[in-house]
Amino acid sequence: MFDALGSVAKVPESFEAAVNADPSSFDARESAVTFYIRAPSIVGGSMRHAYRHVDQYAKINPDYAQLLYVLIALEEKDLPKAKALLAKLPAESSDPVLDQMIAKRWLAIGLAYLDAGQFDAARAALAHGVAHGAPSVAGQSHWGLGRIAQAQGHPEEAIDEYRAFLAFDPNASGKPAEEARASLKQLGTN
């Protein structure tokens, strides 16, 4: 068992090497930050290291660094902070990758609020995910909006949202698609 821990303990070194090889790489930074915020401390996880990486990256690419601060806030379950950080980014940019990443973070915030039963905050965040126009994110956002409408007793709105979700991928599979189809059936549609 201790040999396995020794191997896992080398993982942070790999992330550090990737960041050092290309300090401007968002993928390398995001991977390192994700490791540091999710790994147990026994194998090198550390919020301090995660923040250090984001602080350094903010000097290189402030908008993308903001996405990493949002990721940390989500991990810390601080949804108001995550929402406030994300709201500082532009509603639209000339960078389609940034727009997609912003949409993904709004989706994550919206689903976290939904899981917490905070429907108004979830609805607002998911609406941002739809507005950013990334098709896969918009579809998932419609699924979340359908869940909210159904939970709040608005069947027509729920039907519209579930249909919008399935319109993005009519052959979708997995838990969200199964739930959407089951909900549509329960709500009296085919």
C-alpha atoms as a PDB file:
ATOM      1  CA  MET A   1       0.000   0.000   0.000  1.00  0.00           C
ATOM      2  CA  PHE A   2       2.793   2.436   0.865  1.00  0.00           C
ATOM      3  CA  ASP A   3       4.431   1.787  -2.519  1.00  0.00           C
ATOM      4  CA  ALA A   4       1.192   2.868  -4.203  1.00  0.00           C
ATOM      5  CA  LEU A   5       1.096   6.038  -2.109  1.00  0.00           C
ATOM      6  CA  GLY A   6       4.655   6.759  -3.160  1.00  0.00           C
ATOM      7  CA  SER A   7       3.668   6.547  -6.822  1.00  0.00           C
ATOM      8  CA  VAL A   8       0.648   8.782  -6.325  1.00  0.00           C
ATOM      9  CA  ALA A   9       2.772  11.283  -4.432  1.00  0.00           C
ATOM     10  CA  LYS A  10       4.740  11.830  -7.669  1.00  0.00           C
ATOM     11  CA  VAL A  11       1.607  13.111  -9.428  1.00  0.00           C
ATOM     12  CA  PRO A  12       2.034  16.719  -8.232  1.00  0.00           C
ATOM     13  CA  GLU A  13       5.550  16.688  -9.679  1.00  0.00           C
ATOM     14  CA  SER A  14       4.081  15.815 -13.079  1.00  0.00           C
ATOM     15  CA  PHE A  15       1.611  18.689 -12.914  1.00  0.00           C
ATOM     16  CA  GLU A  16       4.344  21.086 -11.835  1.00  0.00           C
ATOM     17  CA  ALA A  17       6.549  19.926 -14.718  1.00  0.00           C
ATOM     18  CA  ALA A  18       3.709  20.529 -17.199  1.00  0.00           C
ATOM     19  CA  VAL A  19       3.138  24.043 -15.857  1.00  0.00           C
ATOM     20  CA  ASN A  20       6.863  24.808 -15.891  1.00  0.00           C
ATOM     21  CA  ALA A  21       7.133  23.570 -19.490  1.00  0.00           C
ATOM     22  CA  ASP A  22       4.390  25.979 -20.611  1.00  0.00           C
ATOM     23  CA  PRO A  23       3.362  28.505 -17.928  1.00  0.00           C
ATOM     24  CA  SER A  24       0.764  30.026 -20.267  1.00  0.00           C
ATOM     25  CA  SER A  25      -1.101  26.732 -20.819  1.00  0.00           C
ATOM     26  CA  PHE A  26      -4.602  26.879 -19.369  1.00  0.00           C
ATOM     27  CA  ASP A  27      -4.943  23.100 -19.633  1.00  0.00           C
ATOM     28  CA  ALA A  28      -1.798  22.548 -17.560  1.00  0.00           C
ATOM     29  CA  ARG A  29      -2.936  25.073 -14.938  1.00  0.00           C
ATOM     30  CA  GLU A  30      -6.471  23.698 -14.799  1.00  0.00           C
ATOM     31  CA  SER A  31      -5.151  20.153 -14.392  1.00  0.00           C
ATOM     32  CA  ALA A  32      -2.796  21.199 -11.606  1.00  0.00           C
ATOM     33  CA  VAL A  33      -5.469  23.225  -9.807  1.00  0.00           C
ATOM     34  CA  THR A  34      -7.995  20.396 -10.143  1.00  0.00           C
ATOM     35  CA  PHE A  35      -5.499  17.956  -8.667  1.00  0.00           C
ATOM     36  CA  TYR A  36      -4.611  20.233  -5.769  1.00  0.00           C
ATOM     37  CA  ILE A  37      -8.236  20.972  -4.815  1.00  0.00           C
ATOM     38  CA  ARG A  38      -9.478  17.393  -5.065  1.00  0.00           C
ATOM     39  CA  ALA A  39      -6.581  15.201  -3.953  1.00  0.00           C
ATOM     40  CA  PRO A  40      -6.191  14.337  -0.286  1.00  0.00           C
ATOM     41  CA  SER A  41      -3.300  16.090   1.419  1.00  0.00           C
ATOM     42  CA  ILE A  42      -1.533  12.761   1.969  1.00  0.00           C
ATOM     43  CA  VAL A  43      -0.819  12.638  -1.793  1.00  0.00           C
ATOM     44  CA  GLY A  44      -0.171  16.341  -2.261  1.00  0.00           C
ATOM     45  CA  GLY A  45      -3.588  18.002  -2.368  1.00  0.00           C
ATOM     46  CA  SER A  46      -3.445  21.572  -1.120  1.00  0.00           C
ATOM     47  CA  MET A  47      -5.729  24.561  -1.479  1.00  0.00           C
ATOM     48  CA  ARG A  48      -2.693  26.766  -0.841  1.00  0.00           C
ATOM     49  CA  HIS A  49      -0.943  25.276  -3.884  1.00  0.00           C
ATOM     50  CA  ALA A  50      -4.098  25.644  -5.973  1.00  0.00           C
ATOM     51  CA  TYR A  51      -4.389  29.333  -5.092  1.00  0.00           C
ATOM     52  CA  ARG A  52      -0.672  29.847  -5.781  1.00  0.00           C
ATOM     53  CA  HIS A  53      -1.122  28.458  -9.293  1.00  0.00           C
ATOM     54  CA  VAL A  54      -4.135  30.651  -9.995  1.00  0.00           C
ATOM     55  CA  ASP A  55      -2.443  33.755  -8.579  1.00  0.00           C
ATOM     56  CA  GLN A  56       0.545  33.147 -10.876  1.00  0.00           C
ATOM     57  CA  TYR A  57      -1.695  32.497 -13.872  1.00  0.00           C
ATOM     58  CA  ALA A  58      -3.696  35.678 -13.230  1.00  0.00           C
ATOM     59  CA  LYS A  59      -0.565  37.634 -14.238  1.00  0.00           C
ATOM     60  CA  ILE A  60      -0.504  35.778 -17.584  1.00  0.00           C
ATOM     61  CA  ASN A  61      -4.183  35.417 -18.464  1.00  0.00           C
ATOM     62  CA  PRO A  62      -6.609  37.145 -16.056  1.00  0.00           C
ATOM     63  CA  ASP A  63      -9.862  35.939 -17.668  1.00  0.00           C
ATOM     64  CA  TYR A  64      -8.863  32.296 -17.720  1.00  0.00           C
ATOM     65  CA  ALA A  65      -7.435  32.608 -14.206  1.00  0.00           C
ATOM     66  CA  GLN A  66     -10.864  33.847 -13.118  1.00  0.00           C
ATOM     67  CA  LEU A  67     -12.295  30.528 -14.339  1.00  0.00           C
ATOM     68  CA  LEU A  68      -9.839  28.746 -12.067  1.00  0.00           C
ATOM     69  CA  TYR A  69     -10.850  30.880  -9.077  1.00  0.00           C
ATOM     70  CA  VAL A  70     -14.445  29.867  -9.829  1.00  0.00           C
ATOM     71  CA  LEU A  71     -13.386  26.207  -9.879  1.00  0.00           C
ATOM     72  CA  ILE A  72     -11.843  26.595  -6.423  1.00  0.00           C
ATOM     73  CA  ALA A  73     -14.948  28.371  -5.078  1.00  0.00           C
ATOM     74  CA  LEU A  74     -17.102  25.522  -6.397  1.00  0.00           C
ATOM     75  CA  GLU A  75     -14.879  22.982  -4.665  1.00  0.00           C
ATOM     76  CA  GLU A  76     -15.165  25.007  -1.456  1.00  0.00           C
ATOM     77  CA  LYS A  77     -18.981  24.918  -1.900  1.00  0.00           C
ATOM     78  CA  ASP A  78     -19.027  28.725  -1.864  1.00  0.00           C
ATOM     79  CA  LEU A  79     -21.640  29.243  -4.567  1.00  0.00           C
ATOM     80  CA  PRO A  80     -22.177  32.984  -3.985  1.00  0.00           C
ATOM     81  CA  LYS A  81     -18.424  33.531  -4.365  1.00  0.00           C
ATOM     82  CA  ALA A  82     -18.285  31.377  -7.501  1.00  0.00           C
ATOM     83  CA  LYS A  83     -21.209  33.309  -8.982  1.00  0.00           C
ATOM     84  CA  ALA A  84     -19.659  36.690  -8.132  1.00  0.00           C
ATOM     85  CA  LEU A  85     -16.303  35.685  -9.616  1.00  0.00           C
ATOM     86  CA  LEU A  86     -17.877  34.420 -12.814  1.00  0.00           C
ATOM     87  CA  ALA A  87     -20.041  37.519 -13.165  1.00  0.00           C
ATOM     88  CA  LYS A  88     -16.834  39.569 -13.499  1.00  0.00           C
ATOM     89  CA  LEU A  89     -16.074  37.910 -16.832  1.00  0.00           C
ATOM     90  CA  PRO A  90     -17.442  39.369 -20.079  1.00  0.00           C
ATOM     91  CA  ALA A  91     -20.950  38.359 -21.157  1.00  0.00           C
ATOM     92  CA  GLU A  92     -19.496  37.802 -24.629  1.00  0.00           C
ATOM     93  CA  SER A  93     -15.949  37.681 -25.862  1.00  0.00           C
ATOM     94  CA  SER A  94     -14.155  37.196 -29.137  1.00  0.00           C
ATOM     95  CA  ASP A  95     -12.697  33.975 -27.712  1.00  0.00           C
ATOM     96  CA  PRO A  96     -15.088  31.038 -28.327  1.00  0.00           C
ATOM     97  CA  VAL A  97     -13.107  28.773 -25.984  1.00  0.00           C
ATOM     98  CA  LEU A  98     -13.455  31.298 -23.165  1.00  0.00           C
ATOM     99  CA  ASP A  99     -17.185  31.587 -23.898  1.00  0.00           C
ATOM    100  CA  GLN A 100     -17.567  27.800 -23.706  1.00  0.00           C
ATOM    101  CA  MET A 101     -15.622  27.647 -20.437  1.00  0.00           C
ATOM    102  CA  ILE A 102     -17.750  30.438 -18.959  1.00  0.00           C
ATOM    103  CA  ALA A 103     -20.892  28.556 -19.992  1.00  0.00           C
ATOM    104  CA  LYS A 104     -19.572  25.354 -18.382  1.00  0.00           C
ATOM    105  CA  ARG A 105     -18.895  27.159 -15.112  1.00  0.00           C
ATOM    106  CA  TRP A 106     -22.409  28.714 -15.141  1.00  0.00           C
ATOM    107  CA  LEU A 107     -23.787  25.215 -15.692  1.00  0.00           C
ATOM    108  CA  ALA A 108     -21.782  23.856 -12.739  1.00  0.00           C
ATOM    109  CA  ILE A 109     -22.967  26.697 -10.503  1.00  0.00           C
ATOM    110  CA  GLY A 110     -26.568  26.254 -11.640  1.00  0.00           C
ATOM    111  CA  LEU A 111     -26.560  22.512 -11.019  1.00  0.00           C
ATOM    112  CA  ALA A 112     -24.953  23.006  -7.603  1.00  0.00           C
ATOM    113  CA  TYR A 113     -27.676  25.499  -6.665  1.00  0.00           C
ATOM    114  CA  LEU A 114     -30.278  23.071  -8.029  1.00  0.00           C
ATOM    115  CA  ASP A 115     -28.900  20.240  -5.889  1.00  0.00           C
ATOM    116  CA  ALA A 116     -29.084  22.589  -2.889  1.00  0.00           C
ATOM    117  CA  GLY A 117     -32.742  23.336  -3.648  1.00  0.00           C
ATOM    118  CA  GLN A 118     -32.053  27.026  -4.341  1.00  0.00           C
ATOM    119  CA  PHE A 119     -34.194  27.200  -7.450  1.00  0.00           C
ATOM    120  CA  ASP A 120     -34.094  30.943  -8.141  1.00  0.00           C
ATOM    121  CA  ALA A 121     -30.297  31.072  -8.001  1.00  0.00           C
ATOM    122  CA  ALA A 122     -30.102  27.876 -10.072  1.00  0.00           C
ATOM    123  CA  ARG A 123     -32.455  29.295 -12.693  1.00  0.00           C
ATOM    124  CA  ALA A 124     -30.388  32.492 -13.015  1.00  0.00           C
ATOM    125  CA  ALA A 125     -27.091  30.606 -13.372  1.00  0.00           C
ATOM    126  CA  LEU A 126     -28.506  28.096 -15.863  1.00  0.00           C
ATOM    127  CA  ALA A 127     -29.955  30.934 -17.938  1.00  0.00           C
ATOM    128  CA  HIS A 128     -26.392  32.270 -18.255  1.00  0.00           C
ATOM    129  CA  GLY A 129     -25.306  28.823 -19.473  1.00  0.00           C
ATOM    130  CA  VAL A 130     -27.963  28.930 -22.181  1.00  0.00           C
ATOM    131  CA  ALA A 131     -27.098  32.517 -23.121  1.00  0.00           C
ATOM    132  CA  HIS A 132     -23.438  31.711 -23.725  1.00  0.00           C
ATOM    133  CA  GLY A 133     -24.596  29.503 -26.566  1.00  0.00           C
ATOM    134  CA  ALA A 134     -22.273  26.512 -26.270  1.00  0.00           C
ATOM    135  CA  PRO A 135     -24.616  23.777 -27.565  1.00  0.00           C
ATOM    136  CA  SER A 136     -23.684  20.984 -25.144  1.00  0.00           C
ATOM    137  CA  VAL A 137     -23.821  23.365 -22.186  1.00  0.00           C
ATOM    138  CA  ALA A 138     -27.060  24.970 -23.343  1.00  0.00           C
ATOM    139  CA  GLY A 139     -28.644  21.526 -23.637  1.00  0.00           C
ATOM    140  CA  GLN A 140     -27.613  20.547 -20.117  1.00  0.00           C
ATOM    141  CA  SER A 141     -28.820  23.931 -18.863  1.00  0.00           C
ATOM    142  CA  HIS A 142     -32.249  23.281 -20.389  1.00  0.00           C
ATOM    143  CA  TRP A 143     -32.332  19.941 -18.545  1.00  0.00           C
ATOM    144  CA  GLY A 144     -31.648  21.743 -15.246  1.00  0.00           C
ATOM    145  CA  LEU A 145     -34.275  24.376 -16.044  1.00  0.00           C
ATOM    146  CA  GLY A 146     -36.752  21.564 -16.727  1.00  0.00           C
ATOM    147  CA  ARG A 147     -36.025  20.022 -13.334  1.00  0.00           C
ATOM    148  CA  ILE A 148     -36.613  23.384 -11.664  1.00  0.00           C
ATOM    149  CA  ALA A 149     -39.890  23.998 -13.504  1.00  0.00           C
ATOM    150  CA  GLN A 150     -41.118  20.512 -12.654  1.00  0.00           C
ATOM    151  CA  ALA A 151     -40.163  20.864  -8.975  1.00  0.00           C
ATOM    152  CA  GLN A 152     -41.938  24.214  -8.799  1.00  0.00           C
ATOM    153  CA  GLY A 153     -45.123  22.827 -10.343  1.00  0.00           C
ATOM    154  CA  HIS A 154     -44.850  24.416 -13.797  1.00  0.00           C
ATOM    155  CA  PRO A 155     -45.480  21.433 -16.100  1.00  0.00           C
ATOM    156  CA  GLU A 156     -45.749  23.369 -19.383  1.00  0.00           C
ATOM    157  CA  GLU A 157     -42.439  25.110 -18.752  1.00  0.00           C
ATOM    158  CA  ALA A 158     -40.851  21.794 -17.727  1.00  0.00           C
ATOM    159  CA  ILE A 159     -42.062  20.166 -20.949  1.00  0.00           C
ATOM    160  CA  ASP A 160     -40.609  23.023 -23.017  1.00  0.00           C
ATOM    161  CA  GLU A 161     -37.256  22.829 -21.236  1.00  0.00           C
ATOM    162  CA  TYR A 162     -36.974  19.038 -21.478  1.00  0.00           C
ATOM    163  CA  ARG A 163     -37.859  19.190 -25.178  1.00  0.00           C
ATOM    164  CA  ALA A 164     -35.236  21.914 -25.681  1.00  0.00           C
ATOM    165  CA  PHE A 165     -32.687  19.698 -23.923  1.00  0.00           C
ATOM    166  CA  LEU A 166     -33.502  16.698 -26.100  1.00  0.00           C
ATOM    167  CA  ALA A 167     -33.524  18.856 -29.256  1.00  0.00           C
ATOM    168  CA  PHE A 168     -29.778  19.395 -28.814  1.00  0.00           C
ATOM    169  CA  ASP A 169     -29.259  15.632 -29.089  1.00  0.00           C
ATOM    170  CA  PRO A 170     -32.388  13.587 -29.867  1.00  0.00           C
ATOM    171  CA  ASN A 171     -30.406  10.355 -29.420  1.00  0.00           C
ATOM    172  CA  ALA A 172     -28.951  11.416 -26.073  1.00  0.00           C
ATOM    173  CA  SER A 173     -28.379   8.726 -23.488  1.00  0.00           C
ATOM    174  CA  GLY A 174     -27.336   8.762 -19.869  1.00  0.00           C
ATOM    175  CA  LYS A 175     -29.018   9.888 -16.687  1.00  0.00           C
ATOM    176  CA  PRO A 176     -30.129  13.407 -17.795  1.00  0.00           C
ATOM    177  CA  ALA A 177     -31.672  12.076 -21.029  1.00  0.00           C
ATOM    178  CA  GLU A 178     -33.391   9.214 -19.213  1.00  0.00           C
ATOM    179  CA  GLU A 179     -34.740  11.618 -16.586  1.00  0.00           C
ATOM    180  CA  ALA A 180     -35.952  14.065 -19.249  1.00  0.00           C
ATOM    181  CA  ARG A 181     -37.764  11.340 -21.194  1.00  0.00           C
ATOM    182  CA  ALA A 182     -39.277   9.873 -18.018  1.00  0.00           C
ATOM    183  CA  SER A 183     -40.400  13.316 -16.882  1.00  0.00           C
ATOM    184  CA  LEU A 184     -41.967  14.055 -20.270  1.00  0.00           C
ATOM    185  CA  LYS A 185     -43.851  10.765 -20.043  1.00  0.00           C
ATOM    186  CA  GLN A 186     -44.930  11.553 -16.466  1.00  0.00           C
ATOM    187  CA  LEU A 187     -46.084  14.996 -17.599  1.00  0.00           C
ATOM    188  CA  GLY A 188     -48.284  13.394 -20.248  1.00  0.00           C
ATOM    189  CA  THR A 189     -46.257  13.833 -23.420  1.00  0.00           C
ATOM    190  CA  ASN A 190     -44.445  11.383 -25.658  1.00  0.00           C
END
